[in-house]
Amino acid sequence: MESNSTPRYGSMRPLLLAGGKSTRMGSPKHLLSLPDGQLLYLHLAKTLHTACPDSGTVFISLAHDSILDHSLRTATEQGRSILSPGDLQPSDRLVTLNEHDAPHLKVLMDKGKDTRQESTGPAAGLLAAHRAYPDVTWLILACDFPFCTTELLHQLQSEYQPPVTCFRNDKGFIEPLLAIWSPEALRRLEHNTANGKSSPSAVVRQLSGLVLALPRQTRFNEDGEPEFTDGLEKLSPLFNVNTKEEWETGSGADTKAVLRHWVAFH
């Protein structure tokens, strides 16, 4: 039985949203490769696991017609697939994990085939998790954020206030897919979606959810000395990837260097 030993977080579980149609990207976003060859969904699953180590499972929401690699196919067919120690090599953002500590992937499929011209989008993934586990509070990370750090997720956890808490990006827009959603917020989303309004951002506004600013950041110069800035660079932890051009901008950078340079501190 899964448990979370941190009372503050209650029944919080990590959920990776990977079921988007990726229409603008032109290929499955979750199967994009980082510069080190690692698939994006595996990288983000490890980030989530590091933020929620007491949850032995990282849940991943996929559409019924999502393209699957071997690990996802195994997780879909067998109900659960372990991320092997080979998949969990240490990086700047990960602790060393042995086989006993390695998380499992559990796939949650979106409900049915959406034949409408306008998809319910990420709401479908959020509601798939809510319907499977209606009493769970979810730590949400979408595949749109390849540079999200464990520190950023820890900030969400430490400052979380129900019913929903999320970040505001450098353009002033809220990011409801890098957030913590309570059952109350998900029930509101379910109600809205049933009435033709599937926007997660609308729920944050309706429920007066807590919206966090990015913390002050530490960046290191070429000599390894810290530089401090309150501004956001192009490749911040909230760098959002939706198109091939945006992905080429992000993947052209040294991923580990970006993660090293953007260290959130509290």
Protein backbone atom coordinates (compact mmCIF):
# COMPACT_ATOMS: atom_id res chain seq x y z
CA MET A 1 0.00 0.00 0.00
CA GLU A 2 1.35 3.42 -0.95
CA SER A 3 1.80 5.95 1.80
CA ASN A 4 3.18 9.40 2.35
CA SER A 5 4.84 9.78 5.73
CA THR A 6 4.76 13.59 5.62
CA PRO A 7 1.51 14.61 7.33
CA ARG A 8 1.57 18.08 5.75
CA TYR A 9 1.20 16.57 2.30
CA GLY A 10 -1.48 14.06 3.32
CA SER A 11 -2.40 11.84 0.40
CA MET A 12 -0.45 13.86 -2.19
CA ARG A 13 0.68 11.88 -5.22
CA PRO A 14 2.82 12.83 -8.24
CA LEU A 15 1.14 13.00 -11.66
CA LEU A 16 2.82 13.59 -15.01
CA LEU A 17 0.46 14.88 -17.70
CA ALA A 18 1.56 13.41 -21.02
CA GLY A 19 -1.66 12.84 -22.96
CA GLY A 20 -1.79 16.02 -25.00
CA LYS A 21 -2.28 15.81 -28.76
CA SER A 22 0.95 17.82 -29.35
CA THR A 23 -0.64 19.27 -32.49
CA ARG A 24 1.69 22.25 -32.66
CA MET A 25 4.72 20.10 -31.88
CA GLY A 26 3.91 17.60 -34.63
CA SER A 27 5.19 14.62 -32.62
CA PRO A 28 4.49 13.13 -29.17
CA LYS A 29 5.90 15.57 -26.64
CA HIS A 30 6.50 12.97 -23.95
CA LEU A 31 8.78 10.98 -26.29
CA LEU A 32 11.06 13.90 -27.18
CA SER A 33 14.73 13.23 -26.43
CA LEU A 34 16.85 15.49 -24.25
CA PRO A 35 20.46 16.23 -25.29
CA ASP A 36 21.69 13.30 -23.18
CA GLY A 37 19.35 10.92 -25.04
CA GLN A 38 16.89 10.53 -22.18
CA LEU A 39 13.20 10.65 -23.04
CA LEU A 40 11.43 13.69 -21.67
CA TYR A 41 8.78 11.76 -19.75
CA LEU A 42 11.42 9.67 -17.94
CA HIS A 43 13.34 12.79 -16.95
CA LEU A 44 10.21 14.44 -15.58
CA ALA A 45 9.05 11.24 -13.86
CA LYS A 46 12.35 11.15 -11.99
CA THR A 47 11.95 14.81 -11.05
CA LEU A 48 8.50 14.06 -9.63
CA HIS A 49 9.77 11.01 -7.77
CA THR A 50 12.52 13.05 -6.14
CA ALA A 51 9.92 15.58 -5.00
CA CYS A 52 7.62 12.82 -3.65
CA PRO A 53 9.98 10.00 -2.61
CA ASP A 54 7.46 8.51 -0.18
CA SER A 55 5.10 7.76 -3.03
CA GLY A 56 6.42 4.58 -4.58
CA THR A 57 4.54 5.31 -7.78
CA VAL A 58 4.73 8.10 -10.34
CA PHE A 59 1.41 8.30 -12.15
CA ILE A 60 1.37 9.29 -15.80
CA SER A 61 -1.77 10.36 -17.62
CA LEU A 62 -1.98 9.41 -21.30
CA ALA A 63 -4.60 9.60 -24.02
CA HIS A 64 -6.15 6.38 -25.32
CA ASP A 65 -4.24 6.84 -28.59
CA SER A 66 -0.90 8.01 -27.15
CA ILE A 67 2.21 6.47 -28.69
CA LEU A 68 3.95 4.24 -26.14
CA ASP A 69 7.54 3.15 -25.70
CA HIS A 70 8.44 -0.16 -24.04
CA SER A 71 8.19 1.13 -20.45
CA LEU A 72 4.82 2.78 -21.03
CA ARG A 73 3.50 -0.24 -22.92
CA THR A 74 4.54 -2.48 -20.03
CA ALA A 75 2.96 -0.12 -17.52
CA THR A 76 -0.27 -0.10 -19.54
CA GLU A 77 -0.44 -3.87 -20.05
CA GLN A 78 0.76 -5.00 -16.62
CA GLY A 79 -0.61 -2.15 -14.55
CA ARG A 80 2.76 -0.99 -13.29
CA SER A 81 6.31 -0.77 -14.60
CA ILE A 82 9.42 -0.15 -12.51
CA LEU A 83 11.86 2.51 -13.61
CA SER A 84 15.04 0.46 -13.66
CA PRO A 85 18.15 1.66 -11.79
CA GLY A 86 19.68 2.15 -15.23
CA ASP A 87 16.97 4.72 -15.94
CA LEU A 88 17.75 6.44 -12.66
CA GLN A 89 21.37 7.45 -13.02
CA PRO A 90 22.27 10.39 -10.76
CA SER A 91 22.09 13.87 -12.25
CA ASP A 92 22.25 17.36 -10.84
CA ARG A 93 18.66 16.99 -9.69
CA LEU A 94 18.50 13.38 -8.51
CA VAL A 95 19.65 11.36 -5.56
CA THR A 96 21.16 7.93 -6.23
CA LEU A 97 18.41 5.33 -6.14
CA ASN A 98 18.75 1.59 -5.74
CA GLU A 99 16.27 -0.93 -7.12
CA HIS A 100 14.31 -0.98 -3.88
CA ASP A 101 13.82 2.80 -4.05
CA ALA A 102 13.13 3.02 -7.78
CA PRO A 103 9.61 4.31 -8.47
CA HIS A 104 6.98 2.54 -10.51
CA LEU A 105 5.10 4.09 -13.40
CA LYS A 106 1.33 3.67 -13.34
CA VAL A 107 -0.56 4.75 -16.44
CA LEU A 108 -3.94 6.45 -16.13
CA MET A 109 -5.75 6.62 -19.46
CA ASP A 110 -7.95 9.53 -20.48
CA LYS A 111 -11.63 8.64 -20.65
CA GLY A 112 -12.61 7.33 -24.08
CA LYS A 113 -11.94 8.77 -27.50
CA ASP A 114 -12.53 12.48 -27.94
CA THR A 115 -14.05 12.84 -31.40
CA ARG A 116 -14.94 16.50 -31.01
CA GLN A 117 -13.05 19.12 -32.93
CA GLU A 118 -12.10 20.82 -29.68
CA SER A 119 -10.50 18.46 -27.18
CA THR A 120 -10.92 18.90 -23.45
CA GLY A 121 -7.12 19.01 -23.40
CA PRO A 122 -5.27 18.71 -20.10
CA ALA A 123 -8.56 18.59 -18.20
CA ALA A 124 -8.96 15.03 -19.48
CA GLY A 125 -5.70 13.96 -17.84
CA LEU A 126 -6.48 15.69 -14.56
CA LEU A 127 -9.93 14.13 -14.44
CA ALA A 128 -8.61 10.67 -15.29
CA ALA A 129 -6.51 10.84 -12.13
CA HIS A 130 -9.36 12.29 -10.07
CA ARG A 131 -11.81 9.60 -11.15
CA ALA A 132 -9.33 6.84 -10.37
CA TYR A 133 -8.43 8.30 -6.95
CA PRO A 134 -11.13 10.81 -5.94
CA ASP A 135 -9.67 11.55 -2.49
CA VAL A 136 -6.10 12.23 -3.61
CA THR A 137 -4.37 15.60 -3.84
CA TRP A 138 -2.11 15.65 -6.90
CA LEU A 139 1.27 17.26 -7.49
CA ILE A 140 0.93 18.04 -11.20
CA LEU A 141 3.68 18.41 -13.78
CA ALA A 142 2.99 18.56 -17.52
CA CYS A 143 5.44 17.58 -20.23
CA ASP A 144 5.39 21.23 -21.32
CA PHE A 145 8.06 22.06 -18.71
CA PRO A 146 11.32 20.23 -19.55
CA PHE A 147 13.41 22.37 -17.18
CA CYS A 148 11.20 22.09 -14.12
CA THR A 149 13.35 21.40 -11.07
CA THR A 150 12.76 19.44 -7.91
CA GLU A 151 13.29 22.69 -5.98
CA LEU A 152 10.38 24.28 -7.82
CA LEU A 153 8.15 21.34 -6.89
CA HIS A 154 9.31 21.59 -3.29
CA GLN A 155 8.28 25.24 -3.27
CA LEU A 156 4.81 24.23 -4.40
CA GLN A 157 4.66 21.64 -1.63
CA SER A 158 5.91 23.95 1.11
CA GLU A 159 3.61 26.84 0.16
CA TYR A 160 0.60 24.78 -0.89
CA GLN A 161 -2.79 26.04 0.20
CA PRO A 162 -5.94 24.20 -0.85
CA PRO A 163 -7.90 24.04 -3.01
CA VAL A 164 -5.26 24.73 -5.69
CA THR A 165 -1.80 26.30 -5.84
CA CYS A 166 0.24 27.06 -8.95
CA PHE A 167 2.90 29.39 -10.38
CA ARG A 168 2.66 32.56 -12.44
CA ASN A 169 5.09 32.69 -15.36
CA ASP A 170 7.25 35.61 -16.43
CA LYS A 171 4.56 36.77 -18.88
CA GLY A 172 2.01 37.08 -16.09
CA PHE A 173 -0.02 33.98 -16.96
CA ILE A 174 -0.82 31.30 -14.41
CA GLU A 175 0.48 27.77 -14.98
CA PRO A 176 -2.23 25.36 -13.74
CA LEU A 177 -0.31 22.34 -15.07
CA LEU A 178 2.61 22.95 -12.72
CA ALA A 179 0.53 22.94 -9.60
CA ILE A 180 -1.09 21.11 -6.72
CA TRP A 181 -4.75 20.22 -7.16
CA SER A 182 -7.02 19.13 -4.31
CA PRO A 183 -10.12 16.96 -4.73
CA GLU A 184 -12.25 20.10 -4.31
CA ALA A 185 -10.53 21.82 -7.23
CA LEU A 186 -10.82 18.72 -9.38
CA ARG A 187 -14.51 18.39 -8.59
CA ARG A 188 -14.96 21.97 -9.81
CA LEU A 189 -13.02 21.15 -12.98
CA GLU A 190 -15.23 18.10 -13.51
CA HIS A 191 -18.35 20.23 -13.08
CA ASN A 192 -17.06 22.89 -15.46
CA THR A 193 -16.04 20.32 -18.08
CA ALA A 194 -19.48 18.71 -17.97
CA ASN A 195 -20.83 22.16 -18.83
CA GLY A 196 -18.47 22.72 -21.72
CA LYS A 197 -15.79 24.70 -19.86
CA SER A 198 -12.60 22.66 -19.55
CA SER A 199 -10.05 25.37 -18.73
CA PRO A 200 -7.90 24.50 -15.67
CA SER A 201 -6.92 28.18 -15.40
CA ALA A 202 -10.58 29.11 -14.98
CA VAL A 203 -10.82 26.85 -11.94
CA VAL A 204 -7.82 28.55 -10.33
CA ARG A 205 -9.54 31.91 -10.79
CA GLN A 206 -12.98 30.71 -9.69
CA LEU A 207 -11.62 29.21 -6.47
CA SER A 208 -9.20 32.09 -5.80
CA GLY A 209 -6.31 29.65 -5.85
CA LEU A 210 -2.91 30.62 -4.53
CA VAL A 211 -0.61 31.79 -7.34
CA LEU A 212 3.11 31.82 -6.57
CA ALA A 213 5.85 33.93 -8.09
CA LEU A 214 9.09 32.24 -9.04
CA PRO A 215 11.63 32.54 -6.22
CA ARG A 216 14.73 34.63 -6.52
CA GLN A 217 17.21 32.63 -8.56
CA THR A 218 20.88 31.80 -8.29
CA ARG A 219 22.87 31.65 -11.50
CA PHE A 220 26.55 30.75 -11.79
CA ASN A 221 29.05 32.45 -14.08
CA GLU A 222 31.80 30.70 -16.04
CA ASP A 223 34.08 30.73 -12.98
CA GLY A 224 31.47 28.95 -10.88
CA GLU A 225 30.69 32.06 -8.85
CA PRO A 226 27.03 32.81 -8.08
CA GLU A 227 25.25 35.68 -9.77
CA PHE A 228 21.95 36.84 -8.35
CA THR A 229 19.04 38.04 -10.43
CA ASP A 230 15.34 38.54 -9.97
CA GLY A 231 14.75 38.46 -13.71
CA LEU A 232 13.93 35.40 -15.75
CA GLU A 233 16.16 34.15 -18.55
CA LYS A 234 14.73 32.51 -21.66
CA LEU A 235 15.40 29.04 -20.26
CA SER A 236 13.88 29.40 -16.83
CA PRO A 237 12.33 26.46 -14.93
CA LEU A 238 8.98 27.55 -16.42
CA PHE A 239 10.24 27.47 -20.00
CA ASN A 240 7.20 26.14 -21.85
CA VAL A 241 7.54 23.89 -24.88
CA ASN A 242 4.70 23.62 -27.39
CA THR A 243 6.32 23.89 -30.82
CA LYS A 244 9.34 22.46 -32.60
CA GLU A 245 10.95 25.88 -32.55
CA GLU A 246 10.57 26.13 -28.78
CA TRP A 247 11.93 22.61 -28.36
CA GLU A 248 14.93 23.38 -30.56
CA THR A 249 15.62 26.44 -28.42
CA GLY A 250 15.49 24.36 -25.25
CA SER A 251 17.18 21.21 -26.49
CA GLY A 252 19.96 23.26 -28.05
CA ALA A 253 21.03 24.21 -24.54
CA ASP A 254 23.05 22.04 -22.20
CA THR A 255 20.19 20.66 -20.11
CA LYS A 256 22.31 19.89 -17.07
CA ALA A 257 23.92 23.32 -17.25
CA VAL A 258 20.52 24.99 -17.32
CA LEU A 259 19.43 22.96 -14.32
CA ARG A 260 22.68 23.81 -12.51
CA HIS A 261 22.35 27.50 -13.23
CA TRP A 262 18.75 27.79 -12.10
CA VAL A 263 18.77 26.79 -8.45
CA ALA A 264 15.76 28.01 -6.53
CA PHE A 265 16.43 28.77 -2.88
CA HIS A 266 14.09 29.64 -0.04
